Every structure is written in C-alpha cells, then in structure tokens.
Amino acid sequence: MLNAQEPSFRSTSSELVVLPVTVTDKQGRYISDLPRERFEIYDNGRLMPIELFTKEDTPVTAGLIIDGSSSMRSKLGEVLAASMAFAKASNPDDELFAVRFNDDVREVVVNRRFLLASDLESLHSAIARLVPEGRTALYDAIVEGLDHLKEGTRPRKVLVIISDGGDNASRATLDRVLARARMSNAAMYTIGIYSDDDPDKNPGALKSLARATGGERYLPRSPGELIQTCERIAREIRSGYTIGYVPPERDGNFHQLRVRVTPTARGWTVRTRPGYFAGGATRESVNR
C-alpha cells in the first residue's frame, strides 16, 4: 500500500518539475538523510524555491528492458538471476514490467501490464520463458518502455536496460531515443554485459542514455558483478530524494538544471537529470 504521506502526482492544481536526486559520498555510499534546507535547484542558472521534497522510500514504476537476441543465449541465466535480485531489493510495492527485444519488441508478462515487486514467482516464471533468438532492436525497446511507463501509477519512473550489444534491428535511431528520454520523467540505468570483442557493442550509447536521464551506466564483467549492479540500482532508487519546483516559464525550450547540496561536502556527488523541456512531458502534476 502507498504511504499516506507520499506526494500525489495526479492533481492539476499545480505543475512542477519533479527531479529524482541521488547524493553519494566519495566512497560511493548513498546519503539519504539530508534535510530540505541543504538543497538548492538552479533552472538555467536561476535559483528556484523548492515546492516538493521527500526522502521517503516511495514506490516507483520500473521497467526491465531485456536483450533477448541470439547472442544472449549463454547469458540468459545470469540475467534472470540479476532481474530477481533487483526485484528482491526493490520496494515491495514497486510496479514492475518487463520487455524483451530481439528482432521485435514484446512484453514479457503476458496479459498483465504490471507486477508488484513482491510477486517474485510471476516475474521469475515470465523471464524464464524467454528464448534468445534474432537480432537486437534495443532502441525500439526503449521507446516501448517509455510508452509503458506512462501507464504506471507511481510518481517516479525508472527503466533498467540490460543488453550485450548495440543495435542492429531498430526502426528508431539513437537520436530519437535520446530526444524521447529528455522529454520523459524517467531515469535510465543501462547495463552492458558484452565482451570486448563484440562487434555490436556500443557502450557510448548506453552512457548517453544514462546521462540524459540522471541514471548511471554499468559494465559488469561477471555474473556476480551483474547481480550486485542490479541490487545497487534498487538501493539507489530507494535511497534517493524527490524534489520539485514550479518552472520559471513554459517556453518549450530545453532548460539546464543543477542541484547543489550546501554547504558543499568534499567528495560528495549530486546526480539528477541535466535538464528538461519546459512545457513538455517532464513536468508532472502534483497536489501539494
């Protein structure tokens, strides 16, 4: 059940720019107990009043975008284990869905749009049925994932993308996917599990997608590291802050964002999305 103190993102009474914010120290540990007064938000260099602030472990809508191409045949077992590790480490009330991609894109959980993260048996059964075959339509799958997120009821949106290569089958281009990502409110965490001699690998694309949305790219080198990566992503989602403010104008242009913690602590890193389109899909309606 949703906590009664969680912010509602459904009212039309006001429209905020809503940001997921992560703070880590120099050892990479999450800092999740900072008060509202320590944060500053700058929109195109202008300091903005904070209208929404929560550091509660609130449920999210999260999509697992899973490479089901033929080159994943030897890796599907570790992807299954990592996906289950992500679900186990997530808030049990998170809404989860899974999409597999090869020559085309299909939902993994048939006839059910979302599962709760606590429904481990259904998630395991759905992913275990995947049959690796065909090519890699990564970009089409991300577009599908962004569309699917819109149907979720949780305020924060996340995509976790697991792939062993680049893209050799999509109709969508990387530029189109990046544009969609910048107009969405979703954070993307990308995981590349390819070998150094993979001709289709594209770590730069995975990094660009993560940077554009305030997420992170990971390149695990072993099954154990892949599982740890998925657990870390789940912890980050649960340890972050949700901060919102009224945009200064709705001009349809891209606005650069910067979030600071004051006073600045040496070695701390503050991460959020680099910007948003004012008047676009990144704004969420919030009842304060």
Protein backbone atom coordinates (compact mmCIF):
# COMPACT_ATOMS: atom_id res chain seq x y z
CA MET A 1 0.00 0.00 0.00
CA LEU A 2 1.12 3.55 -0.65
CA ASN A 3 2.12 5.58 2.38
CA ALA A 4 -0.42 8.30 3.21
CA GLN A 5 2.38 10.85 3.40
CA GLU A 6 3.58 10.21 -0.14
CA PRO A 7 3.10 13.06 -2.62
CA SER A 8 0.28 12.70 -5.12
CA PHE A 9 1.26 13.35 -8.73
CA ARG A 10 -2.24 13.45 -10.20
CA SER A 11 -3.81 16.80 -9.42
CA THR A 12 -3.98 19.59 -11.95
CA SER A 13 -3.79 22.22 -9.22
CA SER A 14 -0.15 22.95 -9.97
CA GLU A 15 2.55 21.73 -12.30
CA LEU A 16 6.04 21.08 -11.07
CA VAL A 17 9.33 19.98 -12.49
CA VAL A 18 9.96 16.82 -10.45
CA LEU A 19 13.52 15.53 -10.10
CA PRO A 20 14.92 12.29 -8.71
CA VAL A 21 18.15 13.25 -6.91
CA THR A 22 20.91 10.95 -5.65
CA VAL A 23 23.70 12.01 -3.28
CA THR A 24 26.77 9.84 -2.68
CA ASP A 25 30.00 10.33 -0.74
CA LYS A 26 33.49 9.74 -2.11
CA GLN A 27 33.21 6.01 -1.29
CA GLY A 28 30.03 5.79 -3.38
CA ARG A 29 27.78 5.34 -0.33
CA TYR A 30 24.28 6.81 -0.53
CA ILE A 31 23.48 9.77 1.70
CA SER A 32 19.74 9.66 2.29
CA ASP A 33 19.12 11.71 5.46
CA LEU A 34 19.71 15.30 4.30
CA PRO A 35 17.04 17.91 5.12
CA ARG A 36 15.27 20.04 2.54
CA GLU A 37 17.27 23.12 3.58
CA ARG A 38 20.53 21.60 2.30
CA PHE A 39 19.35 21.54 -1.33
CA GLU A 40 19.40 24.24 -4.00
CA ILE A 41 17.94 23.92 -7.52
CA TYR A 42 19.06 26.11 -10.42
CA ASP A 43 17.00 26.34 -13.61
CA ASN A 44 19.09 27.92 -16.39
CA GLY A 45 21.22 29.42 -13.61
CA ARG A 46 18.25 30.82 -11.65
CA LEU A 47 17.79 29.68 -8.03
CA MET A 48 14.28 28.22 -7.64
CA PRO A 49 12.15 27.76 -4.49
CA ILE A 50 11.61 24.10 -3.62
CA GLU A 51 7.90 23.25 -3.57
CA LEU A 52 8.11 19.47 -3.13
CA PHE A 53 10.61 17.48 -1.10
CA THR A 54 10.58 13.89 0.09
CA LYS A 55 13.27 11.45 1.10
CA GLU A 56 10.89 8.60 1.87
CA ASP A 57 11.29 5.18 0.26
CA THR A 58 8.31 5.66 -2.03
CA PRO A 59 7.26 3.07 -4.64
CA VAL A 60 8.24 3.57 -8.29
CA THR A 61 7.14 2.23 -11.66
CA ALA A 62 10.11 0.35 -13.13
CA GLY A 63 10.60 -1.44 -16.41
CA LEU A 64 13.18 -4.15 -17.13
CA ILE A 65 14.27 -3.90 -20.78
CA ILE A 66 15.93 -7.25 -21.50
CA ASP A 67 18.01 -8.24 -24.53
CA GLY A 68 16.57 -11.46 -25.93
CA SER A 69 18.74 -11.69 -29.05
CA SER A 70 20.57 -14.87 -30.04
CA SER A 71 23.87 -13.62 -28.63
CA MET A 72 22.31 -13.69 -25.15
CA ARG A 73 21.87 -17.48 -25.18
CA SER A 74 24.73 -18.17 -22.75
CA LYS A 75 23.86 -15.18 -20.53
CA LEU A 76 20.13 -15.51 -20.00
CA GLY A 77 20.52 -17.44 -16.74
CA GLU A 78 22.58 -14.67 -15.17
CA VAL A 79 20.15 -12.04 -16.47
CA LEU A 80 17.30 -13.94 -14.80
CA ALA A 81 19.23 -14.08 -11.52
CA ALA A 82 20.07 -10.37 -11.75
CA SER A 83 16.45 -9.41 -12.51
CA MET A 84 15.26 -11.35 -9.48
CA ALA A 85 17.94 -9.70 -7.34
CA PHE A 86 16.66 -6.30 -8.50
CA ALA A 87 13.07 -7.20 -7.58
CA LYS A 88 14.07 -8.58 -4.18
CA ALA A 89 16.00 -5.40 -3.32
CA SER A 90 13.19 -3.11 -4.53
CA ASN A 91 10.31 -1.62 -2.57
CA PRO A 92 7.73 -4.45 -2.47
CA ASP A 93 5.07 -2.02 -3.73
CA ASP A 94 7.03 -1.04 -6.84
CA GLU A 95 5.17 -1.63 -10.10
CA LEU A 96 7.32 -3.75 -12.40
CA PHE A 97 7.03 -4.73 -16.03
CA ALA A 98 9.45 -6.43 -18.39
CA VAL A 99 10.02 -6.07 -22.13
CA ARG A 100 12.21 -8.36 -24.21
CA PHE A 101 13.70 -7.34 -27.52
CA ASN A 102 15.36 -9.13 -30.43
CA ASP A 103 14.03 -8.68 -33.99
CA ASP A 104 10.92 -7.12 -32.43
CA VAL A 105 9.73 -5.95 -29.01
CA ARG A 106 7.29 -7.82 -26.79
CA GLU A 107 6.05 -7.68 -23.23
CA VAL A 108 7.35 -10.50 -21.07
CA VAL A 109 4.41 -10.63 -18.65
CA VAL A 110 1.53 -11.66 -20.90
CA ASN A 111 -1.96 -10.28 -20.10
CA ARG A 112 -0.71 -8.34 -17.07
CA ARG A 113 0.56 -4.81 -17.52
CA PHE A 114 2.37 -4.66 -14.17
CA LEU A 115 3.51 -6.90 -11.35
CA LEU A 116 4.33 -5.84 -7.82
CA ALA A 117 7.99 -6.34 -6.97
CA SER A 118 6.87 -8.68 -4.21
CA ASP A 119 5.38 -11.07 -6.81
CA LEU A 120 8.70 -12.81 -7.38
CA GLU A 121 7.22 -16.07 -8.62
CA SER A 122 5.35 -14.46 -11.53
CA LEU A 123 8.36 -12.38 -12.55
CA HIS A 124 10.69 -15.41 -12.44
CA SER A 125 8.25 -17.51 -14.48
CA ALA A 126 7.88 -14.81 -17.15
CA ILE A 127 11.60 -14.14 -17.66
CA ALA A 128 12.50 -17.84 -17.53
CA ARG A 129 10.29 -18.43 -20.60
CA LEU A 130 12.43 -16.18 -22.81
CA VAL A 131 14.03 -17.88 -25.82
CA PRO A 132 17.11 -16.00 -27.13
CA GLU A 133 16.97 -15.57 -30.89
CA GLY A 134 17.29 -12.99 -33.65
CA ARG A 135 18.94 -9.58 -33.77
CA THR A 136 18.93 -6.59 -31.40
CA ALA A 137 16.21 -3.89 -31.55
CA LEU A 138 17.42 -2.02 -28.48
CA TYR A 139 16.20 1.47 -29.40
CA ASP A 140 12.71 0.27 -30.31
CA ALA A 141 12.52 -1.48 -26.92
CA ILE A 142 13.44 1.70 -25.04
CA VAL A 143 10.70 3.64 -26.88
CA GLU A 144 8.24 0.88 -25.92
CA GLY A 145 9.45 1.03 -22.32
CA LEU A 146 8.95 4.81 -22.13
CA ASP A 147 5.43 4.40 -23.50
CA HIS A 148 4.67 1.66 -20.98
CA LEU A 149 5.89 3.79 -18.06
CA LYS A 150 3.13 6.31 -18.77
CA GLU A 151 0.56 3.70 -17.71
CA GLY A 152 2.13 3.26 -14.28
CA THR A 153 0.55 4.80 -11.19
CA ARG A 154 3.75 5.51 -9.23
CA PRO A 155 5.17 9.06 -9.36
CA ARG A 156 8.77 8.10 -10.12
CA LYS A 157 9.63 6.21 -13.31
CA VAL A 158 12.69 4.04 -13.99
CA LEU A 159 14.00 1.88 -16.83
CA VAL A 160 16.70 -0.74 -16.25
CA ILE A 161 18.19 -1.76 -19.61
CA ILE A 162 20.24 -4.98 -19.87
CA SER A 163 21.95 -5.71 -23.19
CA ASP A 164 25.07 -7.35 -24.56
CA GLY A 165 25.37 -5.21 -27.67
CA GLY A 166 24.42 -2.17 -29.65
CA ASP A 167 21.51 -2.09 -32.07
CA ASN A 168 21.16 -3.75 -35.48
CA ALA A 169 17.38 -4.08 -35.94
CA SER A 170 15.52 -0.96 -34.70
CA ARG A 171 13.46 1.46 -36.73
CA ALA A 172 14.13 4.11 -34.08
CA THR A 173 17.51 5.88 -34.04
CA LEU A 174 19.66 6.75 -31.04
CA ASP A 175 18.92 10.45 -31.62
CA ARG A 176 15.19 9.79 -31.49
CA VAL A 177 15.53 7.74 -28.30
CA LEU A 178 17.64 10.43 -26.64
CA ALA A 179 15.05 13.07 -27.56
CA ARG A 180 12.28 10.92 -26.06
CA ALA A 181 14.39 10.30 -22.97
CA ARG A 182 14.96 14.03 -22.40
CA MET A 183 11.22 14.68 -22.67
CA SER A 184 10.31 11.91 -20.24
CA ASN A 185 10.47 11.89 -16.45
CA ALA A 186 12.24 8.51 -16.38
CA ALA A 187 15.69 7.74 -15.05
CA MET A 188 17.53 5.12 -17.14
CA TYR A 189 20.07 2.70 -15.73
CA THR A 190 21.94 0.91 -18.51
CA ILE A 191 23.87 -2.33 -18.06
CA GLY A 192 26.23 -3.57 -20.78
CA ILE A 193 27.21 -7.24 -20.45
CA TYR A 194 29.17 -7.76 -23.65
CA SER A 195 32.71 -8.94 -24.29
CA ASP A 196 35.48 -6.68 -25.54
CA ASP A 197 35.47 -8.32 -28.98
CA ASP A 198 31.70 -7.97 -29.52
CA PRO A 199 31.32 -6.21 -32.91
CA ASP A 200 27.91 -4.74 -32.00
CA LYS A 201 28.77 -3.30 -28.60
CA ASN A 202 28.07 0.39 -28.07
CA PRO A 203 28.99 1.50 -24.54
CA GLY A 204 28.83 5.13 -25.65
CA ALA A 205 25.12 4.84 -26.45
CA LEU A 206 24.42 3.28 -23.06
CA LYS A 207 26.33 6.08 -21.36
CA SER A 208 24.47 8.78 -23.32
CA LEU A 209 21.08 7.33 -22.35
CA ALA A 210 22.01 7.20 -18.67
CA ARG A 211 23.48 10.71 -18.62
CA ALA A 212 20.47 12.23 -20.38
CA THR A 213 18.12 10.98 -17.66
CA GLY A 214 20.13 11.22 -14.43
CA GLY A 215 20.75 7.49 -14.28
CA GLU A 216 24.00 5.53 -14.49
CA ARG A 217 25.78 3.15 -16.86
CA TYR A 218 27.35 -0.06 -15.59
CA LEU A 219 29.67 -2.53 -17.32
CA PRO A 220 29.80 -5.63 -15.08
CA ARG A 221 32.40 -8.24 -16.03
CA SER A 222 30.99 -11.30 -14.27
CA PRO A 223 27.63 -12.80 -13.28
CA GLY A 224 28.27 -11.91 -9.64
CA GLU A 225 29.02 -8.31 -10.55
CA LEU A 226 25.84 -8.15 -12.66
CA ILE A 227 23.75 -9.24 -9.68
CA GLN A 228 25.49 -6.69 -7.44
CA THR A 229 24.83 -3.99 -10.04
CA CYS A 230 21.09 -4.69 -10.08
CA GLU A 231 20.99 -4.69 -6.28
CA ARG A 232 22.84 -1.37 -6.23
CA ILE A 233 20.39 0.19 -8.69
CA ALA A 234 17.48 -0.90 -6.49
CA ARG A 235 19.18 0.59 -3.42
CA GLU A 236 19.81 3.86 -5.26
CA ILE A 237 16.16 4.15 -6.24
CA ARG A 238 15.14 3.60 -2.61
CA SER A 239 17.80 5.98 -1.21
CA GLY A 240 17.15 8.98 -3.42
CA TYR A 241 15.27 12.23 -2.96
CA THR A 242 12.30 13.54 -4.92
CA ILE A 243 12.44 17.33 -5.33
CA GLY A 244 10.04 19.57 -7.25
CA TYR A 245 9.68 23.23 -8.14
CA VAL A 246 7.48 25.48 -10.28
CA PRO A 247 9.21 26.14 -13.63
CA PRO A 248 10.01 29.82 -14.30
CA GLU A 249 8.42 29.69 -17.76
CA ARG A 250 6.86 27.19 -20.12
CA ASP A 251 8.57 28.25 -23.32
CA GLY A 252 9.02 24.79 -24.84
CA ASN A 253 12.81 25.16 -24.73
CA PHE A 254 15.38 22.90 -23.08
CA HIS A 255 16.30 24.19 -19.62
CA GLN A 256 19.56 23.20 -17.96
CA LEU A 257 19.34 22.00 -14.37
CA ARG A 258 21.77 21.91 -11.49
CA VAL A 259 21.15 20.64 -7.97
CA ARG A 260 23.55 21.56 -5.16
CA VAL A 261 23.91 20.45 -1.57
CA THR A 262 25.01 23.25 0.75
CA PRO A 263 27.32 23.57 2.44
CA THR A 264 29.28 21.53 -0.08
CA ALA A 265 30.94 18.44 1.38
CA ARG A 266 34.23 17.30 -0.09
CA GLY A 267 33.94 14.23 -2.29
CA TRP A 268 30.14 14.25 -2.45
CA THR A 269 28.40 13.77 -5.80
CA VAL A 270 24.89 15.05 -6.53
CA ARG A 271 23.24 13.45 -9.57
CA THR A 272 19.99 14.27 -11.33
CA ARG A 273 18.84 14.74 -14.91
CA PRO A 274 20.73 17.51 -16.72
CA GLY A 275 17.63 19.33 -17.92
CA TYR A 276 14.06 19.23 -19.21
CA PHE A 277 11.86 20.70 -21.92
CA ALA A 278 9.73 23.43 -20.30
CA GLY A 279 6.13 22.74 -21.15
CA GLY A 280 6.95 19.18 -22.25
CA ALA A 281 6.37 15.75 -20.80
CA THR A 282 8.90 16.10 -17.99
CA ARG A 283 6.52 18.09 -15.82
CA GLU A 284 4.25 16.16 -13.50
CA SER A 285 1.09 17.43 -11.87
CA VAL A 286 1.43 17.49 -8.10
CA ASN A 287 -1.04 18.18 -5.35
CA ARG A 288 0.94 19.94 -2.64
